[in-house]
Amino acid sequence: MINASVGGKNRRVAGRVFGAVVAVVLLSVSAVNAQGSFTDKRDGKTYRTVKIGKQTWMAENLNYKIGKSVCYDNKESNCRKYGRLYDWNTALKACPAGWHLPSDEEWTALTDFVGGEETAGTKLKSKTGWSTDKGYKAATDDYGFSALPGGYGGSGGSFNYAGSIGSWWSATAEGDASIVWGRDMSYDDEDVGRGINSTISLFSLRCSQDVRP
């Protein structure tokens, strides 16, 4: 009787401990990947948002018409699918109040948090919407960032690689501010590329939420 009682008590304690561990794990996952939404009061569009680490990002490319922003191939359907493409100077002022164009450092913090830029593309890309060829690792979208391949544009009116490549601005310029750091992802690579680009290129834009003091 004594042994049975002790055994039962141990099982109850073990059950409570196991339950507490599960609760902590679930809470941790929720904190890392907390999803929500934001409505831009300027035009009424609503965007999904996601918290990754200490940062909160829009989980969609911005689609706010301003300045020299355009739709890929000048087709409105592509804006609905991929968001708009922006030159850098327009991108700097395109995010709504309470949000901003993320710096190069903020992009690096994101890719570091998800395990490093070498594999970040696979983890941040949407599971759908990308070109699919056999032999390339499928996107997993582990964090709900849902990056889409909106392609890019040139100042002369050319457009390239929608469906295969996504390119995004940072707010960080080099030298005389004629070149700017950005990020790119491709359907056939696992990484998130980091490079410098001309400010007159047309890239997608992901807004990051301002940090409250």
Protein backbone atom coordinates (compact mmCIF):
# COMPACT_ATOMS: atom_id res chain seq x y z
CA MET A 1 0.00 0.00 0.00
CA ILE A 2 2.78 2.40 0.90
CA ASN A 3 4.69 1.64 -2.29
CA ALA A 4 1.58 2.03 -4.41
CA SER A 5 0.82 5.37 -2.78
CA VAL A 6 4.34 6.66 -3.27
CA GLY A 7 4.34 5.47 -6.86
CA GLY A 8 1.04 7.22 -7.54
CA LYS A 9 2.32 10.42 -5.98
CA ASN A 10 5.46 10.27 -8.11
CA ARG A 11 3.38 9.80 -11.23
CA ARG A 12 1.24 12.80 -10.33
CA VAL A 13 4.33 14.94 -9.68
CA ALA A 14 5.93 13.73 -12.93
CA GLY A 15 2.73 14.58 -14.78
CA ARG A 16 2.70 18.09 -13.37
CA VAL A 17 6.38 18.58 -14.25
CA PHE A 18 5.82 17.28 -17.78
CA GLY A 19 2.81 19.57 -18.18
CA ALA A 20 4.83 22.55 -17.00
CA VAL A 21 7.62 21.76 -19.46
CA VAL A 22 5.12 21.50 -22.33
CA ALA A 23 3.57 24.82 -21.30
CA VAL A 24 6.98 26.53 -21.25
CA VAL A 25 7.85 25.12 -24.69
CA LEU A 26 4.54 26.24 -26.15
CA LEU A 27 4.94 29.67 -24.60
CA SER A 28 8.46 29.95 -26.03
CA VAL A 29 7.30 29.01 -29.53
CA SER A 30 4.42 31.46 -29.27
CA ALA A 31 6.76 34.25 -28.17
CA VAL A 32 9.09 33.57 -31.08
CA ASN A 33 6.38 33.28 -33.69
CA ALA A 34 3.53 35.49 -32.44
CA GLN A 35 1.33 36.46 -35.38
CA GLY A 36 -1.06 39.38 -35.66
CA SER A 37 -2.25 41.99 -38.11
CA PHE A 38 -1.96 45.71 -38.81
CA THR A 39 -4.26 47.99 -40.79
CA ASP A 40 -2.65 50.90 -42.61
CA LYS A 41 -4.92 53.86 -41.96
CA ARG A 42 -3.67 55.61 -45.09
CA ASP A 43 -5.43 53.25 -47.50
CA GLY A 44 -7.20 50.68 -45.32
CA LYS A 45 -5.02 47.72 -46.36
CA THR A 46 -4.45 45.08 -43.66
CA TYR A 47 -1.16 43.21 -43.36
CA ARG A 48 -0.25 40.08 -41.45
CA THR A 49 2.51 40.63 -38.89
CA VAL A 50 4.89 38.28 -37.12
CA LYS A 51 7.20 38.59 -34.13
CA ILE A 52 10.55 36.87 -34.66
CA GLY A 53 12.86 37.15 -31.67
CA LYS A 54 12.63 40.75 -30.45
CA GLN A 55 11.53 42.12 -33.82
CA THR A 56 8.05 42.51 -35.26
CA TRP A 57 7.82 42.48 -39.06
CA MET A 58 5.07 42.78 -41.59
CA ALA A 59 4.61 39.26 -42.96
CA GLU A 60 3.76 40.67 -46.38
CA ASN A 61 5.47 43.08 -48.77
CA LEU A 62 4.18 46.63 -48.53
CA ASN A 63 1.57 47.61 -51.13
CA TYR A 64 1.19 51.33 -50.53
CA LYS A 65 1.10 53.58 -53.58
CA ILE A 66 3.50 56.45 -53.13
CA GLY A 67 6.02 58.38 -55.23
CA LYS A 68 7.79 56.27 -57.86
CA SER A 69 6.47 52.93 -56.60
CA VAL A 70 5.19 50.59 -59.30
CA CYS A 71 3.64 47.17 -59.85
CA TYR A 72 5.78 44.49 -61.48
CA ASP A 73 5.22 44.69 -65.26
CA ASN A 74 2.90 47.59 -64.45
CA LYS A 75 0.12 45.12 -63.69
CA GLU A 76 -2.09 45.76 -60.67
CA SER A 77 -2.53 42.02 -60.15
CA ASN A 78 1.18 41.76 -59.35
CA CYS A 79 0.85 44.43 -56.67
CA ARG A 80 -1.89 42.39 -55.06
CA LYS A 81 0.29 39.29 -55.21
CA TYR A 82 3.77 40.64 -54.42
CA GLY A 83 3.31 44.19 -53.13
CA ARG A 84 4.76 47.23 -54.87
CA LEU A 85 8.36 47.85 -55.99
CA TYR A 86 10.07 50.99 -54.68
CA ASP A 87 13.20 52.97 -55.43
CA TRP A 88 15.22 53.53 -52.27
CA ASN A 89 14.36 57.18 -51.64
CA THR A 90 10.66 56.36 -51.89
CA ALA A 91 11.09 53.29 -49.69
CA LEU A 92 12.56 55.44 -46.90
CA LYS A 93 9.22 57.21 -46.43
CA ALA A 94 6.77 54.50 -47.48
CA CYS A 95 6.16 52.63 -44.20
CA PRO A 96 3.19 53.76 -42.07
CA ALA A 97 3.52 55.54 -38.73
CA GLY A 98 4.94 53.22 -36.08
CA TRP A 99 6.86 51.25 -38.70
CA HIS A 100 10.08 51.83 -40.63
CA LEU A 101 12.36 50.57 -43.36
CA PRO A 102 14.69 48.17 -41.49
CA SER A 103 18.40 48.85 -41.32
CA ASP A 104 21.08 46.47 -42.56
CA GLU A 105 21.73 45.65 -38.89
CA GLU A 106 18.07 44.73 -38.35
CA TRP A 107 18.11 42.41 -41.35
CA THR A 108 21.25 40.76 -39.98
CA ALA A 109 19.58 40.33 -36.58
CA LEU A 110 16.71 38.54 -38.32
CA THR A 111 18.90 36.13 -40.29
CA ASP A 112 21.11 35.50 -37.24
CA PHE A 113 18.07 34.65 -35.12
CA VAL A 114 16.80 32.03 -37.55
CA GLY A 115 20.19 30.30 -37.70
CA GLY A 116 22.39 32.36 -40.02
CA GLU A 117 22.12 33.73 -43.54
CA GLU A 118 23.35 30.48 -45.12
CA THR A 119 20.02 28.72 -44.45
CA ALA A 120 17.75 31.68 -43.63
CA GLY A 121 16.19 31.79 -47.08
CA THR A 122 14.68 28.33 -46.76
CA LYS A 123 13.26 29.21 -43.34
CA LEU A 124 11.88 32.64 -44.31
CA LYS A 125 10.45 31.99 -47.78
CA SER A 126 6.75 31.28 -48.27
CA LYS A 127 5.94 27.63 -48.95
CA THR A 128 4.08 28.68 -52.09
CA GLY A 129 4.57 31.22 -54.86
CA TRP A 130 8.17 30.35 -55.77
CA SER A 131 9.40 28.60 -58.90
CA THR A 132 9.76 24.89 -58.24
CA ASP A 133 12.49 22.79 -59.84
CA LYS A 134 13.46 19.32 -58.72
CA GLY A 135 16.69 19.15 -56.78
CA TYR A 136 16.24 22.35 -54.76
CA LYS A 137 15.24 22.35 -51.11
CA ALA A 138 11.63 23.40 -50.57
CA ALA A 139 10.91 26.47 -48.47
CA THR A 140 9.63 25.77 -44.95
CA ASP A 141 8.54 29.24 -43.76
CA ASP A 142 9.35 28.18 -40.19
CA TYR A 143 8.72 31.62 -38.68
CA GLY A 144 5.76 32.91 -40.70
CA PHE A 145 7.82 35.58 -42.50
CA SER A 146 6.40 34.32 -45.82
CA ALA A 147 8.85 36.02 -48.18
CA LEU A 148 7.58 36.12 -51.78
CA PRO A 149 9.53 36.49 -55.04
CA GLY A 150 8.41 39.90 -56.27
CA GLY A 151 11.34 40.23 -58.67
CA TYR A 152 12.89 43.64 -59.21
CA GLY A 153 12.79 46.54 -61.61
CA GLY A 154 15.12 49.05 -63.25
CA SER A 155 14.78 52.80 -63.64
CA GLY A 156 14.37 52.35 -67.40
CA GLY A 157 11.16 50.37 -66.99
CA SER A 158 12.52 46.82 -67.12
CA PHE A 159 11.30 44.06 -64.80
CA ASN A 160 12.96 40.75 -63.99
CA TYR A 161 12.52 37.42 -62.18
CA ALA A 162 9.14 37.65 -60.43
CA GLY A 163 8.38 34.15 -59.20
CA SER A 164 12.08 33.31 -58.87
CA ILE A 165 13.80 36.08 -56.88
CA GLY A 166 12.79 38.49 -54.13
CA SER A 167 14.82 41.64 -53.37
CA TRP A 168 14.31 43.95 -50.39
CA TRP A 169 15.73 47.31 -49.35
CA SER A 170 17.45 48.18 -46.09
CA ALA A 171 17.73 51.74 -44.81
CA THR A 172 21.54 51.59 -44.68
CA ALA A 173 23.51 53.46 -47.35
CA GLU A 174 27.23 53.43 -48.09
CA GLY A 175 29.55 56.32 -48.92
CA ASP A 176 27.69 59.12 -50.71
CA ALA A 177 24.38 57.23 -50.35
CA SER A 178 24.32 56.27 -54.03
CA ILE A 179 24.49 52.59 -53.07
CA VAL A 180 22.48 50.83 -50.38
CA TRP A 181 22.54 47.47 -48.62
CA GLY A 182 19.74 45.08 -49.43
CA ARG A 183 18.71 41.43 -49.14
CA ASP A 184 17.67 38.89 -51.73
CA MET A 185 16.33 35.33 -51.83
CA SER A 186 16.14 32.95 -54.77
CA TYR A 187 14.10 29.82 -55.46
CA ASP A 188 17.31 27.83 -56.06
CA ASP A 189 19.31 28.92 -52.98
CA GLU A 190 18.89 28.31 -49.26
CA ASP A 191 20.57 31.54 -48.18
CA VAL A 192 19.59 35.17 -47.78
CA GLY A 193 22.00 37.19 -49.88
CA ARG A 194 23.40 40.53 -48.69
CA GLY A 195 24.66 43.04 -51.22
CA ILE A 196 24.84 46.66 -52.30
CA ASN A 197 22.53 48.13 -54.90
CA SER A 198 21.88 51.36 -56.76
CA THR A 199 19.25 53.55 -55.13
CA ILE A 200 17.33 53.82 -58.41
CA SER A 201 16.64 50.07 -58.55
CA LEU A 202 13.10 48.96 -57.74
CA PHE A 203 12.83 46.46 -54.88
CA SER A 204 10.19 45.11 -52.51
CA LEU A 205 9.79 46.57 -49.03
CA ARG A 206 9.22 44.88 -45.67
CA CYS A 207 8.39 47.23 -42.81
CA SER A 208 9.62 46.59 -39.25
CA GLN A 209 7.76 47.88 -36.22
CA ASP A 210 9.33 50.71 -34.22
CA VAL A 211 10.70 49.62 -30.86
CA ARG A 212 8.78 51.23 -28.03
CA PRO A 213 10.94 52.82 -25.32
